[in-house]
Amino acid sequence: MIKLKHIVHGAVVSEIEISEGDFTIGRNHGNNLQLDEGGVSGNHAVITLVADSCIPEMFDITIRDLDSTNGTYVNSHAVKEQKLEHGDYIRFGTYEYKVFDDQAHYGTQTEYHISGE
């Protein structure tokens, strides 16, 4: 399950579940996430979730800026389109969200060392 966790002053104040397909963000009515702030464009950005072809429980997540006036930021960098990963921070105006993927199994990988002998 993919969630956007709304961050205010370093604390999570709410979370939104995102399902497969397009998730729109902007000031206009009809967006999946409507943000009422002048720094957010009417149709600001879209997040797209596509099930992985090999592991359908996993998703490929991308964000695309819809030519917004003030830009879309991922980890403090302005982006036009970018793949998102667990732990990324995204910002629209003054609204900040953290991407949470409960299928991300960080710290469970095995590391191998092959001797040069």
Protein backbone atom coordinates (compact mmCIF):
# COMPACT_ATOMS: atom_id res chain seq x y z
CA MET A 1 0.00 0.00 0.00
CA ILE A 2 1.30 3.44 -0.96
CA LYS A 3 0.58 6.40 1.32
CA LEU A 4 1.36 10.09 1.35
CA LYS A 5 2.07 11.26 4.89
CA HIS A 6 1.42 14.99 5.36
CA ILE A 7 4.33 16.50 7.31
CA VAL A 8 4.01 19.74 9.30
CA HIS A 9 7.04 20.92 11.31
CA GLY A 10 8.51 17.41 11.17
CA ALA A 11 5.37 15.64 12.45
CA VAL A 12 2.92 13.45 10.51
CA VAL A 13 -0.51 15.11 10.76
CA SER A 14 -2.44 12.91 8.31
CA GLU A 15 -2.01 10.24 5.67
CA ILE A 16 -3.67 9.46 2.36
CA GLU A 17 -3.75 6.05 0.69
CA ILE A 18 -3.11 6.01 -3.04
CA SER A 19 -4.37 3.23 -5.30
CA GLU A 20 -3.23 2.14 -8.76
CA GLY A 21 -3.70 4.70 -11.51
CA ASP A 22 -3.46 8.50 -11.54
CA PHE A 23 -3.69 10.59 -8.37
CA THR A 24 -4.10 14.30 -9.13
CA ILE A 25 -2.99 17.18 -6.93
CA GLY A 26 -4.03 20.81 -7.18
CA ARG A 27 -6.25 23.65 -6.03
CA ASN A 28 -9.18 22.87 -8.37
CA HIS A 29 -12.21 20.83 -7.38
CA GLY A 30 -12.01 17.32 -8.78
CA ASN A 31 -8.38 16.70 -7.84
CA ASN A 32 -7.78 13.65 -5.64
CA LEU A 33 -5.82 15.89 -3.28
CA GLN A 34 -7.18 19.43 -3.20
CA LEU A 35 -4.78 21.91 -1.57
CA ASP A 36 -6.18 25.35 -0.83
CA GLU A 37 -3.14 27.59 -1.10
CA GLY A 38 -2.05 30.26 -3.57
CA GLY A 39 1.31 28.53 -4.15
CA VAL A 40 -0.48 25.47 -5.54
CA SER A 41 -1.73 25.59 -9.14
CA GLY A 42 -5.23 24.53 -10.12
CA ASN A 43 -3.88 21.34 -11.67
CA HIS A 44 -0.44 21.10 -10.11
CA ALA A 45 0.89 17.52 -10.41
CA VAL A 46 -0.07 13.90 -10.91
CA ILE A 47 1.28 10.79 -9.19
CA THR A 48 0.93 7.58 -11.19
CA LEU A 49 1.05 4.09 -9.69
CA VAL A 50 1.56 1.13 -12.00
CA ALA A 51 1.77 -2.45 -10.70
CA ASP A 52 5.14 -4.06 -11.33
CA SER A 53 4.89 -6.67 -14.10
CA CYS A 54 6.91 -9.25 -12.12
CA ILE A 55 5.63 -8.57 -8.60
CA PRO A 56 2.07 -7.16 -8.78
CA GLU A 57 2.10 -6.24 -5.08
CA MET A 58 4.89 -3.74 -5.81
CA PHE A 59 4.28 -0.45 -7.62
CA ASP A 60 6.30 1.82 -9.86
CA ILE A 61 5.54 5.36 -8.68
CA THR A 62 6.17 8.50 -10.72
CA ILE A 63 5.30 12.14 -10.19
CA ARG A 64 4.85 14.62 -13.03
CA ASP A 65 4.51 18.38 -12.71
CA LEU A 66 1.60 19.72 -14.80
CA ASP A 67 3.36 22.98 -15.75
CA SER A 68 2.55 24.46 -12.35
CA THR A 69 3.48 28.06 -11.63
CA ASN A 70 5.61 27.32 -8.55
CA GLY A 71 6.92 23.84 -9.36
CA THR A 72 6.90 20.39 -7.84
CA TYR A 73 9.79 19.39 -5.59
CA VAL A 74 11.18 15.97 -4.69
CA ASN A 75 13.73 15.98 -1.87
CA SER A 76 14.10 19.77 -2.30
CA HIS A 77 14.84 19.55 -6.06
CA ALA A 78 12.47 20.94 -8.69
CA VAL A 79 11.31 18.17 -11.03
CA LYS A 80 9.24 17.88 -14.20
CA GLU A 81 8.91 14.10 -13.91
CA GLN A 82 10.61 11.67 -11.55
CA LYS A 83 10.32 8.19 -10.14
CA LEU A 84 9.39 8.19 -6.45
CA GLU A 85 10.67 5.83 -3.81
CA HIS A 86 9.85 5.03 -0.21
CA GLY A 87 11.04 7.89 2.00
CA ASP A 88 11.04 10.61 -0.66
CA TYR A 89 9.70 14.02 0.34
CA ILE A 90 7.48 15.86 -2.14
CA ARG A 91 6.39 19.49 -1.90
CA PHE A 92 3.69 21.60 -3.54
CA GLY A 93 3.70 25.21 -2.31
CA THR A 94 4.14 24.90 1.47
CA TYR A 95 2.55 21.44 1.63
CA GLU A 96 5.05 18.64 2.27
CA TYR A 97 4.39 14.91 2.04
CA LYS A 98 6.52 11.83 2.61
CA VAL A 99 6.07 8.79 0.38
CA PHE A 100 5.46 5.61 2.37
CA ASP A 101 5.48 2.18 0.71
CA ASP A 102 4.68 -0.63 3.14
CA GLN A 103 6.10 -3.12 0.62
CA ALA A 104 9.56 -1.52 0.81
CA HIS A 105 11.66 -4.01 2.73
CA TYR A 106 14.71 -1.95 3.53
CA GLY A 107 17.35 -3.66 5.59
CA THR A 108 16.39 -7.19 4.50
CA GLN A 109 18.91 -7.58 1.71
CA THR A 110 21.81 -9.99 2.10
CA GLU A 111 25.26 -8.73 1.27
CA TYR A 112 27.77 -11.12 -0.30
CA HIS A 113 31.52 -10.78 -0.53
CA ILE A 114 33.37 -12.74 -3.19
CA SER A 115 37.01 -13.27 -2.47
CA GLY A 116 39.49 -12.16 -5.13
CA GLU A 117 41.55 -15.37 -4.71
